[in-house]
PDB file of all heavy atoms in Angstrom:
ATOM      1  N   TYR A   1       5.429  -5.311 -22.020  1.00  0.00           N
ATOM      2  CA  TYR A   1       4.747  -5.890 -20.820  1.00  0.00           C
ATOM      3  C   TYR A   1       3.674  -6.933 -21.148  1.00  0.00           C
ATOM      4  O   TYR A   1       2.611  -6.884 -20.359  1.00  0.00           O
ATOM      5  CB  TYR A   1       4.436  -4.920 -19.736  1.00  0.00           C
ATOM      6  CG  TYR A   1       5.569  -4.119 -19.276  1.00  0.00           C
ATOM      7  CD1 TYR A   1       5.692  -2.640 -19.787  1.00  0.00           C
ATOM      8  CD2 TYR A   1       6.519  -4.600 -18.415  1.00  0.00           C
ATOM      9  CE1 TYR A   1       6.783  -1.971 -19.485  1.00  0.00           C
ATOM     10  CE2 TYR A   1       7.632  -3.830 -18.071  1.00  0.00           C
ATOM     11  CZ  TYR A   1       7.686  -2.447 -18.585  1.00  0.00           C
ATOM     12  OH  TYR A   1       8.806  -1.748 -18.121  1.00  0.00           O
ATOM     13  N   PRO A   2       3.650  -7.696 -22.224  1.00  0.00           N
ATOM     14  CA  PRO A   2       2.563  -8.409 -22.517  1.00  0.00           C
ATOM     15  C   PRO A   2       2.543  -9.625 -21.519  1.00  0.00           C
ATOM     16  O   PRO A   2       1.375 -10.278 -21.451  1.00  0.00           O
ATOM     17  CB  PRO A   2       2.941  -9.033 -23.977  1.00  0.00           C
ATOM     18  CG  PRO A   2       4.475  -9.018 -23.953  1.00  0.00           C
ATOM     19  CD  PRO A   2       4.842  -7.706 -23.223  1.00  0.00           C
ATOM     20  N   GLU A   3       3.487  -9.783 -20.749  1.00  0.00           N
ATOM     21  CA  GLU A   3       3.419 -10.747 -19.666  1.00  0.00           C
ATOM     22  C   GLU A   3       2.490 -10.425 -18.487  1.00  0.00           C
ATOM     23  O   GLU A   3       2.253 -11.265 -17.587  1.00  0.00           O
ATOM     24  CB  GLU A   3       4.808 -11.252 -19.056  1.00  0.00           C
ATOM     25  CG  GLU A   3       5.450  -9.941 -18.545  1.00  0.00           C
ATOM     26  CD  GLU A   3       6.408  -9.213 -19.588  1.00  0.00           C
ATOM     27  OE1 GLU A   3       6.042  -9.246 -20.685  1.00  0.00           O
ATOM     28  OE2 GLU A   3       7.341  -8.525 -19.139  1.00  0.00           O
ATOM     29  N   HIS A   4       1.970  -9.098 -18.527  1.00  0.00           N
ATOM     30  CA  HIS A   4       1.060  -8.669 -17.511  1.00  0.00           C
ATOM     31  C   HIS A   4      -0.199  -8.271 -18.193  1.00  0.00           C
ATOM     32  O   HIS A   4      -0.336  -7.967 -19.380  1.00  0.00           O
ATOM     33  CB  HIS A   4       1.574  -7.315 -16.782  1.00  0.00           C
ATOM     34  CG  HIS A   4       2.815  -7.527 -16.173  1.00  0.00           C
ATOM     35  ND1 HIS A   4       3.156  -8.285 -14.935  1.00  0.00           N
ATOM     36  CD2 HIS A   4       4.172  -7.186 -16.375  1.00  0.00           C
ATOM     37  CE1 HIS A   4       4.356  -8.373 -14.564  1.00  0.00           C
ATOM     38  NE2 HIS A   4       5.033  -7.657 -15.515  1.00  0.00           N
ATOM     39  N   ALA A   5      -1.277  -8.404 -17.377  1.00  0.00           N
ATOM     40  CA  ALA A   5      -2.695  -7.760 -17.771  1.00  0.00           C
ATOM     41  C   ALA A   5      -2.435  -6.295 -18.084  1.00  0.00           C
ATOM     42  O   ALA A   5      -1.509  -5.622 -17.363  1.00  0.00           O
ATOM     43  CB  ALA A   5      -3.703  -8.030 -16.735  1.00  0.00           C
ATOM     44  N   PHE A   6      -3.190  -5.690 -18.923  1.00  0.00           N
ATOM     45  CA  PHE A   6      -3.001  -4.369 -19.343  1.00  0.00           C
ATOM     46  C   PHE A   6      -3.019  -3.380 -18.114  1.00  0.00           C
ATOM     47  O   PHE A   6      -2.065  -2.478 -18.021  1.00  0.00           O
ATOM     48  CB  PHE A   6      -4.112  -3.825 -20.240  1.00  0.00           C
ATOM     49  CG  PHE A   6      -3.927  -2.445 -20.747  1.00  0.00           C
ATOM     50  CD1 PHE A   6      -2.922  -2.122 -21.727  1.00  0.00           C
ATOM     51  CD2 PHE A   6      -4.586  -1.267 -20.250  1.00  0.00           C
ATOM     52  CE1 PHE A   6      -2.700  -0.800 -22.123  1.00  0.00           C
ATOM     53  CE2 PHE A   6      -4.463  -0.093 -20.601  1.00  0.00           C
ATOM     54  CZ  PHE A   6      -3.503   0.253 -21.531  1.00  0.00           C
ATOM     55  N   ALA A   7      -3.950  -3.619 -17.237  1.00  0.00           N
ATOM     56  CA  ALA A   7      -3.963  -2.702 -16.032  1.00  0.00           C
ATOM     57  C   ALA A   7      -2.727  -2.739 -15.138  1.00  0.00           C
ATOM     58  O   ALA A   7      -2.307  -1.907 -14.380  1.00  0.00           O
ATOM     59  CB  ALA A   7      -5.176  -2.795 -15.172  1.00  0.00           C
ATOM     60  N   ASP A   8      -2.110  -3.898 -15.210  1.00  0.00           N
ATOM     61  CA  ASP A   8      -0.778  -4.151 -14.368  1.00  0.00           C
ATOM     62  C   ASP A   8       0.295  -3.530 -15.034  1.00  0.00           C
ATOM     63  O   ASP A   8       1.496  -3.625 -14.414  1.00  0.00           O
ATOM     64  CB  ASP A   8      -0.738  -5.762 -13.985  1.00  0.00           C
ATOM     65  CG  ASP A   8      -1.820  -6.140 -13.190  1.00  0.00           C
ATOM     66  OD1 ASP A   8      -2.494  -5.464 -12.409  1.00  0.00           O
ATOM     67  OD2 ASP A   8      -2.223  -7.421 -13.418  1.00  0.00           O
ATOM     68  N   ARG A   9       0.315  -3.274 -16.303  1.00  0.00           N
ATOM     69  CA  ARG A   9       1.564  -2.784 -16.982  1.00  0.00           C
ATOM     70  C   ARG A   9       1.926  -1.437 -16.533  1.00  0.00           C
ATOM     71  O   ARG A   9       3.122  -1.102 -16.606  1.00  0.00           O
ATOM     72  CB  ARG A   9       1.209  -2.777 -18.393  1.00  0.00           C
ATOM     73  CG  ARG A   9       0.875  -4.112 -19.103  1.00  0.00           C
ATOM     74  CD  ARG A   9       0.620  -4.151 -20.565  1.00  0.00           C
ATOM     75  NE  ARG A   9       0.117  -5.429 -20.916  1.00  0.00           N
ATOM     76  CZ  ARG A   9      -0.229  -5.757 -22.202  1.00  0.00           C
ATOM     77  NH1 ARG A   9      -0.091  -4.841 -23.232  1.00  0.00           N
ATOM     78  NH2 ARG A   9      -0.677  -6.919 -22.434  1.00  0.00           N
ATOM     79  N   PHE A  10       1.119  -0.543 -16.007  1.00  0.00           N
ATOM     80  CA  PHE A  10       1.465   0.729 -15.413  1.00  0.00           C
ATOM     81  C   PHE A  10       2.430   0.437 -14.258  1.00  0.00           C
ATOM     82  O   PHE A  10       3.541   1.104 -14.249  1.00  0.00           O
ATOM     83  CB  PHE A  10       0.167   1.485 -14.970  1.00  0.00           C
ATOM     84  CG  PHE A  10      -0.706   1.821 -16.076  1.00  0.00           C
ATOM     85  CD1 PHE A  10      -1.684   0.877 -16.555  1.00  0.00           C
ATOM     86  CD2 PHE A  10      -0.772   3.127 -16.544  1.00  0.00           C
ATOM     87  CE1 PHE A  10      -2.554   1.281 -17.469  1.00  0.00           C
ATOM     88  CE2 PHE A  10      -1.592   3.471 -17.523  1.00  0.00           C
ATOM     89  CZ  PHE A  10      -2.523   2.545 -18.006  1.00  0.00           C
ATOM     90  N   ALA A  11       2.198  -0.323 -13.420  1.00  0.00           N
ATOM     91  CA  ALA A  11       2.978  -0.542 -12.202  1.00  0.00           C
ATOM     92  C   ALA A  11       4.339  -1.173 -12.673  1.00  0.00           C
ATOM     93  O   ALA A  11       5.369  -0.813 -12.297  1.00  0.00           O
ATOM     94  CB  ALA A  11       2.428  -1.595 -11.219  1.00  0.00           C
ATOM     95  N   ALA A  12       4.375  -2.059 -13.718  1.00  0.00           N
ATOM     96  CA  ALA A  12       5.568  -2.634 -14.225  1.00  0.00           C
ATOM     97  C   ALA A  12       6.487  -1.542 -14.777  1.00  0.00           C
ATOM     98  O   ALA A  12       7.757  -1.598 -14.724  1.00  0.00           O
ATOM     99  CB  ALA A  12       5.195  -3.816 -15.204  1.00  0.00           C
ATOM    100  N   ALA A  13       5.892  -0.740 -15.570  1.00  0.00           N
ATOM    101  CA  ALA A  13       6.677   0.391 -16.285  1.00  0.00           C
ATOM    102  C   ALA A  13       7.266   1.317 -15.120  1.00  0.00           C
ATOM    103  O   ALA A  13       8.499   1.688 -15.282  1.00  0.00           O
ATOM    104  CB  ALA A  13       5.729   1.073 -17.155  1.00  0.00           C
ATOM    105  N   ALA A  14       6.528   1.620 -14.203  1.00  0.00           N
ATOM    106  CA  ALA A  14       6.935   2.408 -13.077  1.00  0.00           C
ATOM    107  C   ALA A  14       8.127   1.777 -12.420  1.00  0.00           C
ATOM    108  O   ALA A  14       9.092   2.402 -12.016  1.00  0.00           O
ATOM    109  CB  ALA A  14       5.959   2.878 -12.154  1.00  0.00           C
ATOM    110  N   ARG A  15       8.059   0.536 -12.118  1.00  0.00           N
ATOM    111  CA  ARG A  15       9.159  -0.142 -11.416  1.00  0.00           C
ATOM    112  C   ARG A  15      10.429  -0.215 -12.177  1.00  0.00           C
ATOM    113  O   ARG A  15      11.458  -0.126 -11.581  1.00  0.00           O
ATOM    114  CB  ARG A  15       8.615  -1.654 -11.138  1.00  0.00           C
ATOM    115  CG  ARG A  15       7.676  -1.822 -10.031  1.00  0.00           C
ATOM    116  CD  ARG A  15       7.615  -3.270  -9.541  1.00  0.00           C
ATOM    117  NE  ARG A  15       7.169  -4.184 -10.604  1.00  0.00           N
ATOM    118  CZ  ARG A  15       5.945  -4.458 -10.924  1.00  0.00           C
ATOM    119  NH1 ARG A  15       4.973  -3.888  -9.980  1.00  0.00           N
ATOM    120  NH2 ARG A  15       5.561  -5.309 -11.891  1.00  0.00           N
ATOM    121  N   ASP A  16      10.261  -0.174 -13.519  1.00  0.00           N
ATOM    122  CA  ASP A  16      11.462  -0.208 -14.340  1.00  0.00           C
ATOM    123  C   ASP A  16      12.043   1.199 -14.536  1.00  0.00           C
ATOM    124  O   ASP A  16      13.052   1.285 -15.220  1.00  0.00           O
ATOM    125  CB  ASP A  16      11.122  -0.908 -15.758  1.00  0.00           C
ATOM    126  CG  ASP A  16      11.080  -2.315 -15.613  1.00  0.00           C
ATOM    127  OD1 ASP A  16      11.670  -2.850 -14.791  1.00  0.00           O
ATOM    128  OD2 ASP A  16      10.359  -3.043 -16.394  1.00  0.00           O
ATOM    129  N   GLY A  17      11.396   2.115 -14.007  1.00  0.00           N
ATOM    130  CA  GLY A  17      12.000   3.548 -14.149  1.00  0.00           C
ATOM    131  C   GLY A  17      11.441   4.414 -14.990  1.00  0.00           C
ATOM    132  O   GLY A  17      11.894   5.549 -15.250  1.00  0.00           O
ATOM    133  N   PHE A  18      10.333   4.001 -15.771  1.00  0.00           N
ATOM    134  CA  PHE A  18       9.686   4.906 -16.862  1.00  0.00           C
ATOM    135  C   PHE A  18       8.842   6.009 -15.984  1.00  0.00           C
ATOM    136  O   PHE A  18       8.165   5.669 -14.975  1.00  0.00           O
ATOM    137  CB  PHE A  18       8.679   4.207 -17.699  1.00  0.00           C
ATOM    138  CG  PHE A  18       9.493   3.326 -18.755  1.00  0.00           C
ATOM    139  CD1 PHE A  18       9.635   1.973 -18.528  1.00  0.00           C
ATOM    140  CD2 PHE A  18       9.976   3.964 -19.831  1.00  0.00           C
ATOM    141  CE1 PHE A  18      10.354   1.218 -19.436  1.00  0.00           C
ATOM    142  CE2 PHE A  18      10.589   3.197 -20.749  1.00  0.00           C
ATOM    143  CZ  PHE A  18      10.878   1.808 -20.676  1.00  0.00           C
ATOM    144  N   GLU A  19       8.842   7.127 -16.603  1.00  0.00           N
ATOM    145  CA  GLU A  19       8.093   8.178 -15.898  1.00  0.00           C
ATOM    146  C   GLU A  19       6.925   8.577 -16.792  1.00  0.00           C
ATOM    147  O   GLU A  19       6.085   9.382 -16.415  1.00  0.00           O
ATOM    148  CB  GLU A  19       9.031   9.457 -15.746  1.00  0.00           C
ATOM    149  CG  GLU A  19      10.070   9.089 -14.747  1.00  0.00           C
ATOM    150  CD  GLU A  19      10.857  10.406 -14.648  1.00  0.00           C
ATOM    151  OE1 GLU A  19      10.601  11.393 -13.849  1.00  0.00           O
ATOM    152  OE2 GLU A  19      12.022  10.492 -15.355  1.00  0.00           O
ATOM    153  N   ALA A  20       6.754   8.008 -17.981  1.00  0.00           N
ATOM    154  CA  ALA A  20       5.633   8.184 -18.800  1.00  0.00           C
ATOM    155  C   ALA A  20       5.256   6.874 -19.521  1.00  0.00           C
ATOM    156  O   ALA A  20       6.163   6.005 -19.790  1.00  0.00           O
ATOM    157  CB  ALA A  20       5.750   9.366 -19.837  1.00  0.00           C
ATOM    158  N   VAL A  21       4.028   6.795 -20.041  1.00  0.00           N
ATOM    159  CA  VAL A  21       3.556   5.669 -20.791  1.00  0.00           C
ATOM    160  C   VAL A  21       2.703   6.159 -22.053  1.00  0.00           C
ATOM    161  O   VAL A  21       2.464   7.413 -21.918  1.00  0.00           O
ATOM    162  CB  VAL A  21       2.725   4.712 -19.973  1.00  0.00           C
ATOM    163  CG1 VAL A  21       3.568   4.008 -18.947  1.00  0.00           C
ATOM    164  CG2 VAL A  21       1.485   5.360 -19.360  1.00  0.00           C
ATOM    165  N   GLU A  22       2.598   5.290 -23.007  1.00  0.00           N
ATOM    166  CA  GLU A  22       1.629   5.666 -24.020  1.00  0.00           C
ATOM    167  C   GLU A  22       0.970   4.273 -24.443  1.00  0.00           C
ATOM    168  O   GLU A  22       1.235   3.244 -23.959  1.00  0.00           O
ATOM    169  CB  GLU A  22       2.468   6.162 -25.314  1.00  0.00           C
ATOM    170  CG  GLU A  22       3.450   5.091 -25.841  1.00  0.00           C
ATOM    171  CD  GLU A  22       4.196   5.599 -27.075  1.00  0.00           C
ATOM    172  OE1 GLU A  22       4.500   6.884 -27.086  1.00  0.00           O
ATOM    173  OE2 GLU A  22       4.483   4.902 -28.126  1.00  0.00           O
ATOM    174  N   CYS A  23      -0.055   4.429 -25.267  1.00  0.00           N
ATOM    175  CA  CYS A  23      -0.785   3.199 -25.608  1.00  0.00           C
ATOM    176  C   CYS A  23      -1.574   3.504 -26.933  1.00  0.00           C
ATOM    177  O   CYS A  23      -1.627   4.620 -27.317  1.00  0.00           O
ATOM    178  CB  CYS A  23      -1.773   2.620 -24.566  1.00  0.00           C
ATOM    179  SG  CYS A  23      -3.093   3.758 -24.219  1.00  0.00           S
ATOM    180  N   LEU A  24      -2.078   2.404 -27.619  1.00  0.00           N
ATOM    181  CA  LEU A  24      -2.774   2.612 -28.775  1.00  0.00           C
ATOM    182  C   LEU A  24      -4.162   3.170 -28.402  1.00  0.00           C
ATOM    183  O   LEU A  24      -4.488   4.263 -28.777  1.00  0.00           O
ATOM    184  CB  LEU A  24      -2.889   1.345 -29.561  1.00  0.00           C
ATOM    185  CG  LEU A  24      -1.709   0.863 -30.341  1.00  0.00           C
ATOM    186  CD1 LEU A  24      -1.933  -0.344 -31.167  1.00  0.00           C
ATOM    187  CD2 LEU A  24      -0.919   2.019 -31.058  1.00  0.00           C
ATOM    188  N   PHE A  25      -4.939   2.295 -27.658  1.00  0.00           N
ATOM    189  CA  PHE A  25      -6.390   2.723 -27.453  1.00  0.00           C
ATOM    190  C   PHE A  25      -6.642   2.520 -25.905  1.00  0.00           C
ATOM    191  O   PHE A  25      -6.685   1.254 -25.527  1.00  0.00           O
ATOM    192  CB  PHE A  25      -7.236   1.972 -28.392  1.00  0.00           C
ATOM    193  CG  PHE A  25      -6.892   1.850 -29.806  1.00  0.00           C
ATOM    194  CD1 PHE A  25      -6.323   0.681 -30.310  1.00  0.00           C
ATOM    195  CD2 PHE A  25      -6.837   3.053 -30.534  1.00  0.00           C
ATOM    196  CE1 PHE A  25      -5.943   0.762 -31.753  1.00  0.00           C
ATOM    197  CE2 PHE A  25      -6.548   3.063 -31.823  1.00  0.00           C
ATOM    198  CZ  PHE A  25      -5.982   1.898 -32.501  1.00  0.00           C
ATOM    199  N   PRO A  26      -6.921   3.483 -25.221  1.00  0.00           N
ATOM    200  CA  PRO A  26      -7.224   3.408 -23.813  1.00  0.00           C
ATOM    201  C   PRO A  26      -8.697   3.112 -23.477  1.00  0.00           C
ATOM    202  O   PRO A  26      -9.041   2.985 -22.285  1.00  0.00           O
ATOM    203  CB  PRO A  26      -6.791   4.700 -23.211  1.00  0.00           C
ATOM    204  CG  PRO A  26      -7.201   5.634 -24.331  1.00  0.00           C
ATOM    205  CD  PRO A  26      -6.891   4.958 -25.686  1.00  0.00           C
ATOM    206  N   TYR A  27      -9.579   2.976 -24.453  1.00  0.00           N
ATOM    207  CA  TYR A  27     -11.138   3.050 -24.322  1.00  0.00           C
ATOM    208  C   TYR A  27     -11.707   1.914 -23.585  1.00  0.00           C
ATOM    209  O   TYR A  27     -12.809   2.135 -23.115  1.00  0.00           O
ATOM    210  CB  TYR A  27     -11.775   3.408 -25.628  1.00  0.00           C
ATOM    211  CG  TYR A  27     -10.967   4.565 -26.394  1.00  0.00           C
ATOM    212  CD1 TYR A  27     -10.170   4.177 -27.515  1.00  0.00           C
ATOM    213  CD2 TYR A  27     -11.106   5.863 -25.849  1.00  0.00           C
ATOM    214  CE1 TYR A  27      -9.541   5.300 -28.191  1.00  0.00           C
ATOM    215  CE2 TYR A  27     -10.518   6.876 -26.528  1.00  0.00           C
ATOM    216  CZ  TYR A  27      -9.669   6.642 -27.652  1.00  0.00           C
ATOM    217  OH  TYR A  27      -9.088   7.690 -28.307  1.00  0.00           O
ATOM    218  N   ALA A  28     -10.978   0.830 -23.458  1.00  0.00           N
ATOM    219  CA  ALA A  28     -11.551  -0.310 -22.686  1.00  0.00           C
ATOM    220  C   ALA A  28     -11.639  -0.108 -21.232  1.00  0.00           C
ATOM    221  O   ALA A  28     -12.507  -0.733 -20.557  1.00  0.00           O
ATOM    222  CB  ALA A  28     -10.778  -1.656 -22.945  1.00  0.00           C
ATOM    223  N   LEU A  29     -10.891   0.805 -20.843  1.00  0.00           N
ATOM    224  CA  LEU A  29     -10.964   1.257 -19.345  1.00  0.00           C
ATOM    225  C   LEU A  29     -11.443   2.711 -19.224  1.00  0.00           C
ATOM    226  O   LEU A  29     -11.188   3.520 -20.007  1.00  0.00           O
ATOM    227  CB  LEU A  29      -9.586   1.317 -18.711  1.00  0.00           C
ATOM    228  CG  LEU A  29      -8.692   0.020 -18.703  1.00  0.00           C
ATOM    229  CD1 LEU A  29      -7.430   0.120 -18.178  1.00  0.00           C
ATOM    230  CD2 LEU A  29      -9.627  -1.152 -17.743  1.00  0.00           C
ATOM    231  N   PRO A  30     -12.333   2.857 -18.100  1.00  0.00           N
ATOM    232  CA  PRO A  30     -12.834   4.252 -17.878  1.00  0.00           C
ATOM    233  C   PRO A  30     -11.604   5.175 -17.516  1.00  0.00           C
ATOM    234  O   PRO A  30     -10.559   4.724 -16.947  1.00  0.00           O
ATOM    235  CB  PRO A  30     -13.827   4.060 -16.756  1.00  0.00           C
ATOM    236  CG  PRO A  30     -13.415   2.808 -16.154  1.00  0.00           C
ATOM    237  CD  PRO A  30     -12.837   1.945 -17.168  1.00  0.00           C
ATOM    238  N   THR A  31     -11.842   6.466 -17.722  1.00  0.00           N
ATOM    239  CA  THR A  31     -10.834   7.408 -17.498  1.00  0.00           C
ATOM    240  C   THR A  31     -10.584   7.400 -15.971  1.00  0.00           C
ATOM    241  O   THR A  31      -9.441   7.741 -15.557  1.00  0.00           O
ATOM    242  CB  THR A  31     -11.303   8.909 -17.858  1.00  0.00           C
ATOM    243  OG1 THR A  31     -12.588   9.120 -17.189  1.00  0.00           O
ATOM    244  CG2 THR A  31     -11.521   8.969 -19.312  1.00  0.00           C
ATOM    245  N   SER A  32     -11.467   7.212 -15.204  1.00  0.00           N
ATOM    246  CA  SER A  32     -11.309   7.194 -13.689  1.00  0.00           C
ATOM    247  C   SER A  32     -10.189   6.109 -13.275  1.00  0.00           C
ATOM    248  O   SER A  32      -9.393   6.271 -12.389  1.00  0.00           O
ATOM    249  CB  SER A  32     -12.521   6.917 -12.891  1.00  0.00           C
ATOM    250  OG  SER A  32     -13.156   5.755 -13.254  1.00  0.00           O
TER     251      SER A  32
END
């Protein structure tokens, strides 16, 4: 999903039917 900003990739993955995601480094965003 490089066509989306990182925070928008969660929604894109869910729309495509994924029930889980992974990533390299989540630390640019707060846990909340």
